[in-house]
Amino acid sequence: MRRRTVTAGSLEEILQATAPAADTGAAAPRPPAAAPAPPSPAGHDHGLRTEFEFELPRGYVDEAGTLHRHGAMRLATARDELRPQIDLRVKENPAYLSVVLLSQVITRIGTITDVHAGVVERMYATDVAFLQDFYRRVNSEGHTRAAVTCPHCEGGFEVDLSGGRLGES
């Protein structure tokens, strides 16, 4: 098998160069990354949850000194996973990948809806670690619930892992 190498300046150029022939016209405007999925026609609910609420362990403090703890993260797309691979900051420092990736899928933190890499950079390490784990859970399972079995009575039940503190229900 022969491998083809494509060199381009940005992900947009790569996507445009590899787009199917039918898409050669002007690029359609993309919806904002934070936009929730539109409701299904005729009120049909397909059961796909695409956004998940969380509560940060410490919280993000903005420039005005306001503490933000509650937020939301959407499911990642293939594009979200690919975009950091061509980011120069990630190429220089692979550890920066999680900062770029989280900044793309976090839709809001408190009242902040413009979540970019600079916001994630200024978060406490414990909050970034929490968000990395939350990202992994949401994108591997599609939810934040885990099925567990009681070791004593063998009864099954679910627990929500979305950031509740120990002892809280």
N, C-alpha and C. Protein backbone atom coordinates (compact mmCIF):
# COMPACT_ATOMS: atom_id res chain seq x y z
N MET A 1 0.84 -1.16 0.00
CA MET A 1 0.00 0.00 0.00
C MET A 1 0.89 1.23 0.00
N ARG A 2 0.52 2.23 -0.75
CA ARG A 2 1.30 3.45 -0.88
C ARG A 2 0.67 4.55 -0.05
N ARG A 3 1.47 5.28 0.68
CA ARG A 3 0.99 6.35 1.53
C ARG A 3 1.14 7.67 0.82
N ARG A 4 0.12 8.54 0.89
CA ARG A 4 0.17 9.85 0.26
C ARG A 4 0.33 10.91 1.33
N THR A 5 1.25 11.83 1.14
CA THR A 5 1.48 12.91 2.08
C THR A 5 0.92 14.20 1.52
N VAL A 6 0.15 14.90 2.35
CA VAL A 6 -0.45 16.17 1.95
C VAL A 6 0.09 17.23 2.89
N THR A 7 0.57 18.32 2.34
CA THR A 7 1.06 19.42 3.16
C THR A 7 0.15 20.62 2.93
N ALA A 8 -0.34 21.20 4.01
CA ALA A 8 -1.20 22.38 3.93
C ALA A 8 -0.99 23.21 5.17
N GLY A 9 -1.40 24.45 5.11
CA GLY A 9 -1.18 25.37 6.23
C GLY A 9 -2.18 25.22 7.36
N SER A 10 -3.38 24.72 7.08
CA SER A 10 -4.37 24.63 8.13
C SER A 10 -5.30 23.45 7.88
N LEU A 11 -6.07 23.11 8.90
CA LEU A 11 -7.02 22.02 8.78
C LEU A 11 -8.06 22.34 7.71
N GLU A 12 -8.46 23.60 7.62
CA GLU A 12 -9.44 24.00 6.61
C GLU A 12 -8.93 23.69 5.20
N GLU A 13 -7.64 23.98 4.95
CA GLU A 13 -7.06 23.69 3.63
C GLU A 13 -7.02 22.20 3.37
N ILE A 14 -6.69 21.41 4.38
CA ILE A 14 -6.65 19.96 4.22
C ILE A 14 -8.04 19.44 3.92
N LEU A 15 -9.04 19.89 4.69
CA LEU A 15 -10.41 19.44 4.47
C LEU A 15 -10.92 19.86 3.10
N GLN A 16 -10.55 21.05 2.68
CA GLN A 16 -10.97 21.53 1.36
C GLN A 16 -10.30 20.72 0.25
N ALA A 17 -9.02 20.39 0.43
CA ALA A 17 -8.28 19.64 -0.59
C ALA A 17 -8.77 18.20 -0.71
N THR A 18 -9.30 17.65 0.39
CA THR A 18 -9.74 16.26 0.37
C THR A 18 -11.25 16.11 0.30
N ALA A 19 -11.97 17.23 0.11
CA ALA A 19 -13.43 17.19 0.04
C ALA A 19 -13.87 16.46 -1.21
N PRO A 20 -15.04 15.78 -1.16
CA PRO A 20 -15.57 15.13 -2.35
C PRO A 20 -15.84 16.15 -3.44
N ALA A 21 -15.87 15.72 -4.70
CA ALA A 21 -16.03 16.61 -5.86
C ALA A 21 -17.30 17.44 -5.78
N ALA A 22 -18.36 16.93 -5.16
CA ALA A 22 -19.63 17.66 -5.07
C ALA A 22 -19.51 18.88 -4.18
N ASP A 23 -18.51 18.91 -3.30
CA ASP A 23 -18.36 20.02 -2.36
C ASP A 23 -17.38 21.06 -2.85
N THR A 24 -17.12 21.19 -4.13
CA THR A 24 -16.13 22.12 -4.62
C THR A 24 -16.62 23.55 -4.66
N GLY A 25 -17.90 23.79 -4.41
CA GLY A 25 -18.44 25.15 -4.40
C GLY A 25 -17.98 25.89 -3.17
N ALA A 26 -18.56 27.05 -2.96
CA ALA A 26 -18.20 27.86 -1.80
C ALA A 26 -18.54 27.10 -0.52
N ALA A 27 -17.66 27.24 0.43
CA ALA A 27 -17.87 26.54 1.69
C ALA A 27 -19.07 27.12 2.41
N ALA A 28 -19.91 26.24 2.90
CA ALA A 28 -21.08 26.69 3.66
C ALA A 28 -20.62 27.14 5.03
N PRO A 29 -21.26 28.15 5.60
CA PRO A 29 -20.85 28.59 6.92
C PRO A 29 -21.08 27.48 7.95
N ARG A 30 -20.10 27.31 8.83
CA ARG A 30 -20.20 26.28 9.87
C ARG A 30 -21.00 26.82 11.04
N PRO A 31 -21.80 25.98 11.69
CA PRO A 31 -22.46 26.43 12.90
C PRO A 31 -21.42 26.58 14.00
N PRO A 32 -21.67 27.45 14.99
CA PRO A 32 -20.70 27.61 16.06
C PRO A 32 -20.51 26.28 16.80
N ALA A 33 -19.29 26.05 17.27
CA ALA A 33 -18.97 24.79 17.93
C ALA A 33 -19.82 24.56 19.17
N ALA A 34 -20.24 25.63 19.84
CA ALA A 34 -20.98 25.48 21.08
C ALA A 34 -22.47 25.32 20.87
N ALA A 35 -22.95 25.39 19.63
CA ALA A 35 -24.38 25.31 19.38
C ALA A 35 -24.89 23.90 19.66
N PRO A 36 -25.97 23.79 20.43
CA PRO A 36 -26.53 22.47 20.69
C PRO A 36 -27.22 21.94 19.43
N ALA A 37 -27.40 20.65 19.39
CA ALA A 37 -28.05 20.04 18.23
C ALA A 37 -29.50 20.52 18.15
N PRO A 38 -30.00 20.80 16.94
CA PRO A 38 -31.37 21.25 16.83
C PRO A 38 -32.34 20.14 17.21
N PRO A 39 -33.54 20.51 17.67
CA PRO A 39 -34.49 19.48 18.04
C PRO A 39 -34.88 18.65 16.82
N SER A 40 -35.19 17.40 17.06
CA SER A 40 -35.57 16.50 15.98
C SER A 40 -36.90 16.93 15.40
N PRO A 41 -37.12 16.70 14.10
CA PRO A 41 -38.38 17.05 13.49
C PRO A 41 -39.53 16.27 14.12
N ALA A 42 -40.69 16.91 14.16
CA ALA A 42 -41.92 16.32 14.68
C ALA A 42 -41.77 15.86 16.12
N GLY A 43 -40.81 16.45 16.86
CA GLY A 43 -40.67 16.14 18.28
C GLY A 43 -40.08 14.78 18.58
N HIS A 44 -39.47 14.11 17.60
CA HIS A 44 -38.87 12.80 17.84
C HIS A 44 -37.58 12.96 18.62
N ASP A 45 -37.47 12.20 19.69
CA ASP A 45 -36.24 12.22 20.48
C ASP A 45 -35.49 10.93 20.20
N HIS A 46 -34.30 11.05 19.64
CA HIS A 46 -33.52 9.87 19.29
C HIS A 46 -32.68 9.38 20.45
N GLY A 47 -32.75 10.05 21.60
CA GLY A 47 -32.05 9.58 22.79
C GLY A 47 -30.57 9.89 22.80
N LEU A 48 -30.06 10.68 21.85
CA LEU A 48 -28.65 11.00 21.83
C LEU A 48 -28.41 12.29 22.61
N ARG A 49 -27.70 12.17 23.68
CA ARG A 49 -27.37 13.33 24.49
C ARG A 49 -26.00 13.83 24.04
N THR A 50 -25.91 15.12 23.66
CA THR A 50 -24.66 15.63 23.12
C THR A 50 -23.97 16.63 24.03
N GLU A 51 -24.61 17.07 25.09
CA GLU A 51 -23.99 18.02 26.01
C GLU A 51 -24.17 17.54 27.44
N PHE A 52 -23.11 17.70 28.24
CA PHE A 52 -23.09 17.18 29.59
C PHE A 52 -22.65 18.28 30.56
N GLU A 53 -23.41 18.43 31.64
CA GLU A 53 -23.10 19.42 32.67
C GLU A 53 -21.99 18.88 33.58
N PHE A 54 -21.20 19.79 34.14
CA PHE A 54 -20.18 19.40 35.11
C PHE A 54 -20.02 20.51 36.15
N GLU A 55 -19.37 20.14 37.26
CA GLU A 55 -19.01 21.11 38.30
C GLU A 55 -17.54 20.92 38.59
N LEU A 56 -16.76 21.99 38.40
CA LEU A 56 -15.32 21.93 38.62
C LEU A 56 -15.01 21.79 40.11
N PRO A 57 -14.01 21.00 40.46
CA PRO A 57 -13.64 20.84 41.88
C PRO A 57 -13.22 22.16 42.54
N ARG A 58 -12.44 22.99 41.86
CA ARG A 58 -11.99 24.26 42.42
C ARG A 58 -12.70 25.44 41.79
N GLY A 59 -12.77 25.44 40.48
CA GLY A 59 -13.44 26.52 39.76
C GLY A 59 -12.46 27.43 39.04
N TYR A 60 -12.96 28.06 37.99
CA TYR A 60 -12.16 28.98 37.18
C TYR A 60 -12.41 30.39 37.66
N VAL A 61 -11.33 31.15 37.90
CA VAL A 61 -11.44 32.54 38.31
C VAL A 61 -11.10 33.41 37.11
N ASP A 62 -12.06 34.22 36.66
CA ASP A 62 -11.83 35.06 35.49
C ASP A 62 -11.05 36.33 35.86
N GLU A 63 -10.81 37.20 34.86
CA GLU A 63 -10.02 38.41 35.07
C GLU A 63 -10.64 39.35 36.09
N ALA A 64 -11.97 39.31 36.22
CA ALA A 64 -12.67 40.18 37.18
C ALA A 64 -12.70 39.57 38.58
N GLY A 65 -12.16 38.36 38.74
CA GLY A 65 -12.14 37.72 40.05
C GLY A 65 -13.39 36.90 40.35
N THR A 66 -14.24 36.68 39.36
CA THR A 66 -15.46 35.89 39.54
C THR A 66 -15.14 34.41 39.43
N LEU A 67 -15.66 33.64 40.36
CA LEU A 67 -15.45 32.19 40.37
C LEU A 67 -16.56 31.52 39.56
N HIS A 68 -16.16 30.66 38.63
CA HIS A 68 -17.10 29.91 37.79
C HIS A 68 -16.85 28.42 38.03
N ARG A 69 -17.88 27.69 38.46
CA ARG A 69 -17.70 26.26 38.74
C ARG A 69 -18.55 25.35 37.86
N HIS A 70 -19.71 25.80 37.47
CA HIS A 70 -20.61 24.97 36.65
C HIS A 70 -20.35 25.22 35.18
N GLY A 71 -20.40 24.16 34.39
CA GLY A 71 -20.17 24.31 32.97
C GLY A 71 -20.79 23.18 32.19
N ALA A 72 -20.49 23.16 30.90
CA ALA A 72 -21.01 22.11 30.02
C ALA A 72 -19.96 21.76 28.99
N MET A 73 -19.98 20.49 28.60
CA MET A 73 -19.07 19.97 27.59
C MET A 73 -19.91 19.19 26.58
N ARG A 74 -19.60 19.39 25.30
CA ARG A 74 -20.31 18.64 24.27
C ARG A 74 -19.48 17.43 23.85
N LEU A 75 -20.13 16.50 23.19
CA LEU A 75 -19.42 15.35 22.64
C LEU A 75 -18.40 15.82 21.61
N ALA A 76 -17.28 15.16 21.55
CA ALA A 76 -16.24 15.50 20.58
C ALA A 76 -16.56 14.88 19.22
N THR A 77 -16.15 15.57 18.17
CA THR A 77 -16.28 15.05 16.81
C THR A 77 -14.90 14.60 16.34
N ALA A 78 -14.88 13.94 15.20
CA ALA A 78 -13.59 13.54 14.62
C ALA A 78 -12.75 14.78 14.33
N ARG A 79 -13.39 15.84 13.88
CA ARG A 79 -12.66 17.09 13.60
C ARG A 79 -12.01 17.63 14.88
N ASP A 80 -12.72 17.55 16.01
CA ASP A 80 -12.14 18.00 17.29
C ASP A 80 -10.88 17.22 17.63
N GLU A 81 -10.89 15.94 17.32
CA GLU A 81 -9.73 15.09 17.62
C GLU A 81 -8.57 15.35 16.65
N LEU A 82 -8.90 15.72 15.41
CA LEU A 82 -7.86 15.94 14.40
C LEU A 82 -7.23 17.33 14.47
N ARG A 83 -8.01 18.34 14.76
CA ARG A 83 -7.53 19.72 14.73
C ARG A 83 -6.28 19.94 15.61
N PRO A 84 -6.22 19.43 16.83
CA PRO A 84 -5.00 19.65 17.63
C PRO A 84 -3.74 19.06 17.02
N GLN A 85 -3.88 18.05 16.17
CA GLN A 85 -2.71 17.41 15.58
C GLN A 85 -1.93 18.34 14.65
N ILE A 86 -2.61 19.36 14.10
CA ILE A 86 -1.90 20.29 13.21
C ILE A 86 -1.63 21.63 13.88
N ASP A 87 -2.00 21.76 15.15
CA ASP A 87 -1.76 23.00 15.89
C ASP A 87 -0.26 23.11 16.21
N LEU A 88 0.33 24.23 15.89
CA LEU A 88 1.77 24.41 16.13
C LEU A 88 2.14 24.31 17.60
N ARG A 89 1.26 24.77 18.48
CA ARG A 89 1.54 24.68 19.92
C ARG A 89 1.64 23.22 20.35
N VAL A 90 0.81 22.36 19.78
CA VAL A 90 0.84 20.93 20.10
C VAL A 90 2.08 20.28 19.50
N LYS A 91 2.46 20.70 18.30
CA LYS A 91 3.66 20.14 17.67
C LYS A 91 4.90 20.48 18.49
N GLU A 92 4.94 21.69 19.06
CA GLU A 92 6.08 22.10 19.88
C GLU A 92 6.06 21.43 21.25
N ASN A 93 4.86 21.20 21.78
CA ASN A 93 4.72 20.61 23.10
C ASN A 93 3.50 19.69 23.09
N PRO A 94 3.68 18.37 22.92
CA PRO A 94 2.56 17.44 22.84
C PRO A 94 1.63 17.48 24.06
N ALA A 95 2.12 17.91 25.21
CA ALA A 95 1.28 18.00 26.40
C ALA A 95 0.19 19.06 26.24
N TYR A 96 0.35 19.96 25.29
CA TYR A 96 -0.62 21.03 25.05
C TYR A 96 -1.87 20.51 24.33
N LEU A 97 -1.83 19.28 23.85
CA LEU A 97 -2.96 18.70 23.12
C LEU A 97 -4.24 18.76 23.95
N SER A 98 -4.17 18.41 25.21
CA SER A 98 -5.39 18.38 26.02
C SER A 98 -5.97 19.79 26.21
N VAL A 99 -5.11 20.81 26.27
CA VAL A 99 -5.59 22.19 26.41
C VAL A 99 -6.40 22.58 25.17
N VAL A 100 -5.85 22.29 23.99
CA VAL A 100 -6.53 22.63 22.74
C VAL A 100 -7.82 21.83 22.61
N LEU A 101 -7.76 20.54 22.89
CA LEU A 101 -8.93 19.69 22.76
C LEU A 101 -10.05 20.12 23.72
N LEU A 102 -9.71 20.36 24.96
CA LEU A 102 -10.74 20.78 25.93
C LEU A 102 -11.35 22.12 25.53
N SER A 103 -10.53 23.04 25.02
CA SER A 103 -11.06 24.35 24.64
C SER A 103 -12.07 24.25 23.50
N GLN A 104 -12.00 23.20 22.72
CA GLN A 104 -12.94 23.02 21.60
C GLN A 104 -14.26 22.41 22.03
N VAL A 105 -14.27 21.58 23.08
CA VAL A 105 -15.49 20.87 23.45
C VAL A 105 -16.22 21.45 24.65
N ILE A 106 -15.55 22.31 25.42
CA ILE A 106 -16.24 22.96 26.55
C ILE A 106 -17.08 24.10 25.98
N THR A 107 -18.38 24.04 26.18
CA THR A 107 -19.28 25.04 25.61
C THR A 107 -19.47 26.24 26.52
N ARG A 108 -19.32 26.04 27.82
CA ARG A 108 -19.41 27.17 28.75
C ARG A 108 -18.84 26.78 30.10
N ILE A 109 -18.34 27.80 30.80
CA ILE A 109 -17.94 27.67 32.20
C ILE A 109 -18.56 28.86 32.91
N GLY A 110 -19.53 28.61 33.75
CA GLY A 110 -20.28 29.69 34.38
C GLY A 110 -20.95 30.53 33.31
N THR A 111 -20.65 31.84 33.32
CA THR A 111 -21.24 32.74 32.32
C THR A 111 -20.34 32.91 31.10
N ILE A 112 -19.19 32.25 31.09
CA ILE A 112 -18.24 32.37 29.98
C ILE A 112 -18.63 31.37 28.89
N THR A 113 -18.95 31.89 27.71
CA THR A 113 -19.30 31.02 26.58
C THR A 113 -18.20 30.98 25.53
N ASP A 114 -17.23 31.89 25.60
CA ASP A 114 -16.09 31.88 24.68
C ASP A 114 -14.92 31.20 25.37
N VAL A 115 -14.97 29.86 25.38
CA VAL A 115 -13.92 29.09 26.04
C VAL A 115 -12.85 28.79 24.99
N HIS A 116 -11.66 29.34 25.19
CA HIS A 116 -10.54 29.14 24.27
C HIS A 116 -9.36 28.61 25.06
N ALA A 117 -8.27 28.32 24.36
CA ALA A 117 -7.10 27.71 25.01
C ALA A 117 -6.57 28.56 26.17
N GLY A 118 -6.65 29.88 26.04
CA GLY A 118 -6.19 30.75 27.12
C GLY A 118 -6.97 30.56 28.41
N VAL A 119 -8.26 30.29 28.29
CA VAL A 119 -9.09 30.03 29.48
C VAL A 119 -8.65 28.73 30.13
N VAL A 120 -8.47 27.68 29.35
CA VAL A 120 -8.07 26.38 29.89
C VAL A 120 -6.68 26.49 30.51
N GLU A 121 -5.78 27.26 29.90
CA GLU A 121 -4.43 27.45 30.44
C GLU A 121 -4.45 28.05 31.85
N ARG A 122 -5.42 28.92 32.11
CA ARG A 122 -5.48 29.60 33.40
C ARG A 122 -6.27 28.83 34.46
N MET A 123 -6.70 27.62 34.14
CA MET A 123 -7.42 26.79 35.12
C MET A 123 -6.43 26.11 36.06
N TYR A 124 -6.92 25.79 37.23
CA TYR A 124 -6.11 25.03 38.18
C TYR A 124 -5.88 23.62 37.63
N ALA A 125 -4.74 23.03 37.97
CA ALA A 125 -4.38 21.70 37.46
C ALA A 125 -5.42 20.65 37.86
N THR A 126 -5.99 20.77 39.06
CA THR A 126 -7.00 19.79 39.48
C THR A 126 -8.25 19.87 38.60
N ASP A 127 -8.62 21.07 38.17
CA ASP A 127 -9.78 21.22 37.29
C ASP A 127 -9.49 20.67 35.90
N VAL A 128 -8.28 20.90 35.40
CA VAL A 128 -7.92 20.36 34.08
C VAL A 128 -7.92 18.83 34.13
N ALA A 129 -7.38 18.25 35.20
CA ALA A 129 -7.38 16.79 35.34
C ALA A 129 -8.81 16.27 35.41
N PHE A 130 -9.67 16.97 36.14
CA PHE A 130 -11.08 16.58 36.21
C PHE A 130 -11.71 16.61 34.82
N LEU A 131 -11.46 17.69 34.05
CA LEU A 131 -12.05 17.83 32.72
C LEU A 131 -11.51 16.77 31.75
N GLN A 132 -10.24 16.41 31.87
CA GLN A 132 -9.67 15.36 31.02
C GLN A 132 -10.39 14.03 31.29
N ASP A 133 -10.61 13.72 32.55
CA ASP A 133 -11.29 12.49 32.91
C ASP A 133 -12.76 12.54 32.46
N PHE A 134 -13.39 13.70 32.64
CA PHE A 134 -14.79 13.89 32.23
C PHE A 134 -14.91 13.71 30.71
N TYR A 135 -13.98 14.27 29.96
CA TYR A 135 -13.94 14.13 28.50
C TYR A 135 -13.86 12.65 28.12
N ARG A 136 -12.96 11.95 28.76
CA ARG A 136 -12.78 10.52 28.46
C ARG A 136 -14.06 9.75 28.73
N ARG A 137 -14.70 9.99 29.87
CA ARG A 137 -15.93 9.27 30.21
C ARG A 137 -17.05 9.57 29.24
N VAL A 138 -17.26 10.85 28.97
CA VAL A 138 -18.36 11.27 28.09
C VAL A 138 -18.17 10.73 26.68
N ASN A 139 -16.96 10.79 26.17
CA ASN A 139 -16.73 10.40 24.78
C ASN A 139 -16.52 8.90 24.59
N SER A 140 -16.23 8.17 25.64
CA SER A 140 -16.11 6.73 25.48
C SER A 140 -17.44 6.03 25.75
N GLU A 141 -18.21 6.55 26.67
CA GLU A 141 -19.47 5.92 27.03
C GLU A 141 -20.70 6.68 26.53
N GLY A 142 -20.56 7.99 26.31
CA GLY A 142 -21.70 8.79 25.88
C GLY A 142 -22.56 9.28 27.02
N HIS A 143 -22.14 9.04 28.24
CA HIS A 143 -22.88 9.51 29.41
C HIS A 143 -21.93 9.52 30.60
N THR A 144 -22.43 10.00 31.75
CA THR A 144 -21.59 10.06 32.94
C THR A 144 -22.08 9.11 34.02
N ARG A 145 -22.94 8.17 33.64
CA ARG A 145 -23.45 7.20 34.60
C ARG A 145 -22.66 5.90 34.49
N ALA A 146 -22.54 5.23 35.61
CA ALA A 146 -21.87 3.94 35.61
C ALA A 146 -22.77 2.93 36.31
N ALA A 147 -22.89 1.74 35.74
CA ALA A 147 -23.66 0.67 36.36
C ALA A 147 -22.78 0.00 37.40
N VAL A 148 -23.31 -0.17 38.60
CA VAL A 148 -22.57 -0.83 39.67
C VAL A 148 -23.46 -1.89 40.31
N THR A 149 -22.82 -2.81 40.99
CA THR A 149 -23.53 -3.88 41.68
C THR A 149 -23.10 -3.88 43.14
N CYS A 150 -24.07 -3.95 44.03
CA CYS A 150 -23.77 -4.00 45.46
C CYS A 150 -23.11 -5.33 45.77
N PRO A 151 -21.95 -5.31 46.43
CA PRO A 151 -21.26 -6.57 46.73
C PRO A 151 -22.00 -7.41 47.79
N HIS A 152 -22.90 -6.80 48.57
CA HIS A 152 -23.60 -7.53 49.63
C HIS A 152 -24.90 -8.16 49.14
N CYS A 153 -25.76 -7.34 48.51
CA CYS A 153 -27.07 -7.85 48.08
C CYS A 153 -27.11 -8.19 46.59
N GLU A 154 -26.06 -7.85 45.87
CA GLU A 154 -25.95 -8.07 44.44
C GLU A 154 -27.02 -7.33 43.64
N GLY A 155 -27.58 -6.29 44.23
CA GLY A 155 -28.54 -5.45 43.52
C GLY A 155 -27.81 -4.48 42.60
N GLY A 156 -28.36 -4.25 41.43
CA GLY A 156 -27.72 -3.35 40.47
C GLY A 156 -28.35 -1.97 40.51
N PHE A 157 -27.55 -0.94 40.32
CA PHE A 157 -28.03 0.43 40.26
C PHE A 157 -27.01 1.28 39.53
N GLU A 158 -27.38 2.53 39.22
CA GLU A 158 -26.48 3.44 38.51
C GLU A 158 -26.04 4.56 39.43
N VAL A 159 -24.82 5.03 39.21
CA VAL A 159 -24.33 6.22 39.90
C VAL A 159 -23.91 7.23 38.84
N ASP A 160 -24.09 8.52 39.14
CA ASP A 160 -23.69 9.57 38.22
C ASP A 160 -22.31 10.05 38.62
N LEU A 161 -21.40 10.06 37.65
CA LEU A 161 -20.00 10.41 37.91
C LEU A 161 -19.67 11.85 37.48
N SER A 162 -20.67 12.70 37.28
CA SER A 162 -20.43 13.99 36.66
C SER A 162 -19.94 15.08 37.61
N GLY A 163 -19.23 14.73 38.63
CA GLY A 163 -18.59 15.75 39.43
C GLY A 163 -19.20 15.99 40.79
N GLY A 164 -20.14 15.16 41.23
CA GLY A 164 -20.69 15.31 42.57
C GLY A 164 -19.62 15.03 43.60
N ARG A 165 -19.70 15.69 44.70
CA ARG A 165 -18.71 15.49 45.77
C ARG A 165 -19.05 14.24 46.56
N LEU A 166 -18.06 13.65 47.21
CA LEU A 166 -18.28 12.47 48.01
C LEU A 166 -19.31 12.75 49.08
N GLY A 167 -20.22 11.81 49.26
CA GLY A 167 -21.25 11.97 50.28
C GLY A 167 -22.49 12.69 49.79
N GLU A 168 -22.42 13.33 48.64
CA GLU A 168 -23.61 14.02 48.11
C GLU A 168 -24.40 13.04 47.27
N SER A 169 -25.71 13.25 47.20
CA SER A 169 -26.53 12.38 46.36
C SER A 169 -27.16 13.16 45.24
